[in-house]
Amino acid sequence: MYDKTVRRRRAVLLLLVACSLILLTAYFGESGGGALHGVQRGTSAVLSPVQEGASRALKPVRDLFGWFGDTLAAKGQVKELRAERDRLRTEALRREALERDNKRLSDMLELNGALGLEAMAPRTGRVIFQSPTVWYATIRVDKGSDDGVRVGHPVINEEALIGRVTQVFGGSAQVTLITDTTMKVPARAGPRGIFGVVEPASAGNPNDLIMRFAPPGARLSPGDRVLTRGTEPEDRRRSLYPPGLPIGRITHIVNEGTDTQEIHLRPFANMRSLDFVQILTRPRGGGE
């Protein structure tokens, strides 16, 4: 029974194939106005409205699948664009940091040239820790005894004197800033080089220093520069700071002309933004 069914199906299949070949041969062999071409035109005329209706009915479905596809593709593009944005933002921040570092190092070299600091064997270091106190009294740098740094060495940044070394370790050192209440710096101010001692005006304000012990008749004015006093070659005393290092600029004078006058100055260096510093390991007048 099974063999008869299989043979019957094969015979039907062969018959259909033969009919198809005959119809195709006849279709391509007759002229455009033949019967088969007419049947084709008639069938197309009948089925065309059906096809158009089915196409309209299925359009929302096609649009829905297309929307899903476009949405998934858009999400993938958004993810890629965000990753590219983050990469470019990181590169921009890194470039800004490099430009800022290069500017500070360049300014430091200019200061060295202007003040002739090359003979003082400066050691450039980076600030690796800053005191969390409100007046930022101490910092730690990544240069220490292994680099020739000793207690007492003066420290500058690209703008001016910022302090001196107070503790030394093998690969780092602690620097106490001139804004610390323990700091006193011998200084001279104005075109006449009036002598005095610079110290913090008050705890918690790194932008205000005081120059004390200036003579009552000193002719000083707001805007005058204040530099380290240092020592002269014939002076046998030794100073922690070489002469001529910039400290700050006078802002105002309290009790001017009296024995108790207070000469206020703003430091040139921004104590809240210290990054690179130089330690003068052979200060003039300081010795070892």
Protein backbone atom coordinates (compact mmCIF):
# COMPACT_ATOMS: atom_id res chain seq x y z
CA MET A 1 0.00 0.00 0.00
CA TYR A 2 2.82 2.40 0.92
CA ASP A 3 4.72 1.63 -2.32
CA LYS A 4 1.62 2.42 -4.43
CA THR A 5 1.17 5.79 -2.67
CA VAL A 6 4.81 6.74 -3.28
CA ARG A 7 4.64 5.71 -6.92
CA ARG A 8 1.41 7.70 -7.36
CA ARG A 9 2.97 10.84 -5.87
CA ARG A 10 6.03 10.51 -8.07
CA ALA A 11 3.86 10.13 -11.15
CA VAL A 12 1.85 13.23 -10.23
CA LEU A 13 5.08 15.19 -9.67
CA LEU A 14 6.47 14.11 -13.04
CA LEU A 15 3.20 15.03 -14.70
CA LEU A 16 3.24 18.50 -13.15
CA VAL A 17 6.85 19.05 -14.20
CA ALA A 18 6.06 17.96 -17.74
CA CYS A 19 3.01 20.26 -17.88
CA SER A 20 5.10 23.15 -16.60
CA LEU A 21 7.73 22.58 -19.26
CA ILE A 22 5.09 22.39 -21.96
CA LEU A 23 3.37 25.58 -20.79
CA LEU A 24 6.68 27.47 -20.52
CA THR A 25 7.70 26.35 -23.98
CA ALA A 26 4.36 27.35 -25.42
CA TYR A 27 4.37 30.71 -23.52
CA PHE A 28 7.77 31.81 -24.77
CA GLY A 29 7.06 30.44 -28.23
CA GLU A 30 3.82 32.34 -28.90
CA SER A 31 3.39 36.02 -29.72
CA GLY A 32 2.48 38.75 -27.19
CA GLY A 33 -1.18 38.46 -28.12
CA GLY A 34 -1.40 34.72 -27.63
CA ALA A 35 -3.78 32.84 -25.35
CA LEU A 36 -1.27 32.15 -22.58
CA HIS A 37 -0.25 35.79 -22.45
CA GLY A 38 -3.89 36.72 -22.23
CA VAL A 39 -4.40 34.32 -19.32
CA GLN A 40 -1.39 35.90 -17.58
CA ARG A 41 -2.83 39.40 -18.04
CA GLY A 42 -6.19 38.32 -16.78
CA THR A 43 -4.76 36.60 -13.74
CA SER A 44 -2.65 39.67 -12.94
CA ALA A 45 -5.70 41.91 -13.27
CA VAL A 46 -7.64 39.68 -10.85
CA LEU A 47 -4.84 39.22 -8.30
CA SER A 48 -3.46 42.77 -8.37
CA PRO A 49 -6.16 44.25 -6.08
CA VAL A 50 -5.68 41.34 -3.72
CA GLN A 51 -1.91 41.89 -3.62
CA GLU A 52 -2.35 45.64 -3.10
CA GLY A 53 -4.79 45.07 -0.25
CA ALA A 54 -2.52 42.53 1.41
CA SER A 55 0.41 44.95 1.04
CA ARG A 56 -1.57 47.76 2.71
CA ALA A 57 -2.76 45.45 5.46
CA LEU A 58 0.77 44.22 6.19
CA LYS A 59 2.38 47.71 6.02
CA PRO A 60 1.90 48.46 9.77
CA VAL A 61 3.52 45.13 10.58
CA ARG A 62 6.46 45.88 8.29
CA ASP A 63 6.74 49.38 9.75
CA LEU A 64 6.72 47.97 13.29
CA PHE A 65 9.52 45.55 12.54
CA GLY A 66 11.41 48.34 10.77
CA TRP A 67 10.98 50.60 13.83
CA PHE A 68 12.33 47.89 16.11
CA GLY A 69 15.31 47.40 13.82
CA ASP A 70 16.01 51.14 13.57
CA THR A 71 15.68 51.53 17.35
CA LEU A 72 18.15 48.76 18.07
CA ALA A 73 20.57 50.18 15.52
CA ALA A 74 20.18 53.67 16.99
CA LYS A 75 20.85 52.39 20.50
CA GLY A 76 24.01 50.73 19.26
CA GLN A 77 25.10 53.97 17.60
CA VAL A 78 24.33 55.99 20.77
CA LYS A 79 26.44 53.62 22.83
CA GLU A 80 29.33 53.94 20.36
CA LEU A 81 29.00 57.73 20.27
CA ARG A 82 29.00 57.94 24.07
CA ALA A 83 32.12 55.81 24.25
CA GLU A 84 33.79 58.04 21.64
CA ARG A 85 32.67 61.16 23.55
CA ASP A 86 34.13 59.82 26.81
CA ARG A 87 37.38 58.93 25.07
CA LEU A 88 37.69 62.39 23.52
CA ARG A 89 36.83 64.05 26.83
CA THR A 90 39.53 62.03 28.61
CA GLU A 91 42.06 62.94 25.93
CA ALA A 92 41.11 66.62 26.21
CA LEU A 93 41.54 66.60 29.98
CA ARG A 94 44.88 64.81 29.66
CA ARG A 95 46.01 67.33 27.05
CA GLU A 96 44.96 70.24 29.29
CA ALA A 97 46.89 68.74 32.20
CA LEU A 98 50.00 68.30 30.05
CA GLU A 99 49.75 71.86 28.74
CA ARG A 100 49.36 73.18 32.29
CA ASP A 101 52.37 71.18 33.49
CA ASN A 102 54.45 72.32 30.52
CA LYS A 103 53.50 75.95 31.19
CA ARG A 104 54.54 75.70 34.85
CA LEU A 105 57.81 73.98 34.06
CA SER A 106 58.55 76.55 31.36
CA ASP A 107 57.83 79.40 33.78
CA MET A 108 60.10 77.72 36.32
CA LEU A 109 62.95 77.63 33.81
CA GLU A 110 62.38 81.31 33.02
CA LEU A 111 62.53 82.18 36.73
CA ASN A 112 65.77 80.20 37.06
CA GLY A 113 67.29 82.15 34.21
CA ALA A 114 66.09 85.52 35.51
CA LEU A 115 67.43 84.95 39.03
CA GLY A 116 70.50 82.90 38.12
CA LEU A 117 69.37 79.90 40.15
CA GLU A 118 71.19 77.27 38.09
CA ALA A 119 74.22 77.58 40.40
CA MET A 120 72.01 76.58 43.34
CA ALA A 121 71.49 73.06 41.97
CA PRO A 122 67.68 73.18 41.93
CA ARG A 123 65.86 69.85 42.20
CA THR A 124 62.45 69.86 40.54
CA GLY A 125 59.80 67.84 42.35
CA ARG A 126 56.07 67.28 42.27
CA VAL A 127 53.76 67.91 45.18
CA ILE A 128 52.41 64.54 46.33
CA PHE A 129 50.56 65.67 49.47
CA GLN A 130 49.12 68.95 50.72
CA SER A 131 48.08 69.72 54.25
CA PRO A 132 44.29 69.54 54.69
CA THR A 133 44.35 72.49 57.12
CA VAL A 134 42.65 75.73 56.10
CA TRP A 135 45.93 77.57 55.46
CA TYR A 136 47.76 74.70 53.71
CA ALA A 137 50.81 75.03 55.99
CA THR A 138 52.79 72.03 54.72
CA ILE A 139 53.25 70.00 51.56
CA ARG A 140 55.21 66.88 50.72
CA VAL A 141 57.27 66.56 47.54
CA ASP A 142 58.75 63.53 45.78
CA LYS A 143 62.38 64.57 46.29
CA GLY A 144 64.38 63.63 49.42
CA SER A 145 67.80 62.83 50.81
CA ASP A 146 68.47 60.51 47.87
CA ASP A 147 68.32 63.63 45.66
CA GLY A 148 70.57 65.78 47.86
CA VAL A 149 67.76 67.51 49.73
CA ARG A 150 68.48 68.65 53.31
CA VAL A 151 66.53 70.32 56.10
CA GLY A 152 66.58 74.10 55.66
CA HIS A 153 66.77 74.20 51.87
CA PRO A 154 64.56 76.97 50.41
CA VAL A 155 61.74 75.94 48.08
CA ILE A 156 60.21 77.93 45.21
CA ASN A 157 57.61 77.30 42.53
CA GLU A 158 57.34 78.97 39.13
CA GLU A 159 56.37 82.28 40.75
CA ALA A 160 58.19 82.88 44.03
CA LEU A 161 59.45 81.56 47.36
CA ILE A 162 56.94 79.21 48.98
CA GLY A 163 58.82 77.84 52.03
CA ARG A 164 61.67 75.66 53.20
CA VAL A 165 62.36 71.98 53.84
CA THR A 166 61.63 70.95 57.44
CA GLN A 167 61.71 67.14 57.23
CA VAL A 168 63.60 64.84 54.88
CA PHE A 169 63.11 61.18 53.99
CA GLY A 170 64.83 58.97 51.45
CA GLY A 171 62.50 59.69 48.53
CA SER A 172 60.44 62.63 49.78
CA ALA A 173 60.56 65.76 51.92
CA GLN A 174 58.17 67.91 53.90
CA VAL A 175 58.06 71.61 53.06
CA THR A 176 56.68 74.15 55.52
CA LEU A 177 55.11 77.05 53.65
CA ILE A 178 55.74 80.72 54.40
CA THR A 179 52.07 80.95 55.42
CA ASP A 180 52.74 78.69 58.42
CA THR A 181 52.69 80.45 61.81
CA THR A 182 56.19 79.15 62.60
CA MET A 183 57.79 80.78 59.53
CA LYS A 184 59.81 84.01 59.53
CA VAL A 185 61.67 85.17 56.42
CA PRO A 186 64.25 88.02 56.46
CA ALA A 187 63.22 90.35 53.63
CA ARG A 188 63.77 93.70 51.95
CA ALA A 189 61.09 95.81 50.31
CA GLY A 190 60.73 98.64 47.85
CA PRO A 191 63.34 100.38 45.70
CA ARG A 192 65.39 101.31 48.80
CA GLY A 193 65.56 97.72 50.03
CA ILE A 194 64.02 98.36 53.44
CA PHE A 195 64.75 95.46 55.80
CA GLY A 196 62.14 93.56 57.78
CA VAL A 197 60.86 90.10 58.65
CA VAL A 198 57.95 88.51 56.78
CA GLU A 199 55.56 86.21 58.65
CA PRO A 200 51.89 85.16 58.34
CA ALA A 201 49.36 87.86 59.17
CA SER A 202 46.91 85.34 60.65
CA ALA A 203 46.21 81.64 60.56
CA GLY A 204 43.80 80.60 57.83
CA ASN A 205 44.57 83.31 55.24
CA PRO A 206 47.30 82.22 52.81
CA ASN A 207 46.93 85.47 50.83
CA ASP A 208 48.02 87.85 53.61
CA LEU A 209 51.54 88.19 55.03
CA ILE A 210 53.04 90.91 57.26
CA MET A 211 56.47 92.48 57.13
CA ARG A 212 57.42 93.58 60.65
CA PHE A 213 60.32 95.51 62.17
CA ALA A 214 60.70 97.95 59.29
CA PRO A 215 62.00 101.36 60.48
CA PRO A 216 59.30 103.99 61.14
CA GLY A 217 60.62 106.32 58.46
CA ALA A 218 60.64 103.70 55.73
CA ARG A 219 59.23 104.97 52.46
CA LEU A 220 57.10 102.08 51.24
CA SER A 221 53.93 102.07 49.17
CA PRO A 222 51.31 99.58 48.01
CA GLY A 223 52.64 97.81 44.93
CA ASP A 224 56.25 97.65 46.12
CA ARG A 225 57.89 94.24 45.73
CA VAL A 226 59.21 92.26 48.69
CA LEU A 227 62.23 89.95 48.19
CA THR A 228 64.32 87.72 50.43
CA ARG A 229 67.13 89.62 52.14
CA GLY A 230 69.75 86.86 52.12
CA THR A 231 73.31 87.84 52.97
CA GLU A 232 76.05 89.78 51.30
CA PRO A 233 79.43 88.02 50.60
CA GLU A 234 81.20 90.01 53.31
CA ASP A 235 78.57 89.11 55.89
CA ARG A 236 79.71 86.11 57.92
CA ARG A 237 76.21 85.22 59.00
CA ARG A 238 74.41 82.57 57.00
CA SER A 239 70.84 82.79 55.74
CA LEU A 240 68.44 79.98 54.96
CA TYR A 241 67.30 81.94 51.90
CA PRO A 242 69.50 83.36 49.14
CA PRO A 243 68.98 87.07 48.40
CA GLY A 244 66.57 88.28 45.77
CA LEU A 245 63.91 85.53 45.77
CA PRO A 246 60.45 87.06 45.13
CA ILE A 247 58.05 86.84 48.08
CA GLY A 248 55.13 89.14 47.39
CA ARG A 249 53.78 92.64 46.77
CA ILE A 250 52.70 95.20 49.39
CA THR A 251 48.92 95.68 49.54
CA HIS A 252 48.47 98.16 52.42
CA ILE A 253 50.22 99.52 55.52
CA VAL A 254 48.66 99.75 58.99
CA ASN A 255 49.92 102.40 61.46
CA GLU A 256 52.25 103.73 58.80
CA GLY A 257 55.28 105.63 60.08
CA THR A 258 55.04 104.33 63.64
CA ASP A 259 57.07 101.78 65.56
CA THR A 260 54.14 99.34 65.33
CA GLN A 261 53.47 99.67 61.63
CA GLU A 262 52.39 96.50 59.85
CA ILE A 263 53.23 96.19 56.18
CA HIS A 264 50.78 93.76 54.58
CA LEU A 265 51.70 91.93 51.41
CA ARG A 266 50.15 89.32 49.18
CA PRO A 267 52.47 86.43 48.22
CA PHE A 268 53.24 86.02 44.54
CA ALA A 269 52.78 82.24 44.78
CA ASN A 270 49.30 80.76 45.01
CA MET A 271 49.60 78.48 48.03
CA ARG A 272 46.33 76.76 47.14
CA SER A 273 47.59 75.61 43.75
CA LEU A 274 51.04 74.09 44.16
CA ASP A 275 52.03 71.38 41.71
CA PHE A 276 55.72 71.55 40.75
CA VAL A 277 58.38 73.03 43.03
CA GLN A 278 62.14 73.49 43.03
CA ILE A 279 64.35 72.83 46.03
CA LEU A 280 67.55 74.92 46.02
CA THR A 281 70.09 72.43 47.32
CA ARG A 282 73.04 74.88 47.28
CA PRO A 283 71.58 78.27 48.29
CA ARG A 284 73.95 81.22 48.18
CA GLY A 285 74.91 82.24 51.68
CA GLY A 286 73.33 79.11 53.10
CA GLY A 287 76.10 76.60 52.51
CA GLU A 288 75.94 73.04 53.73
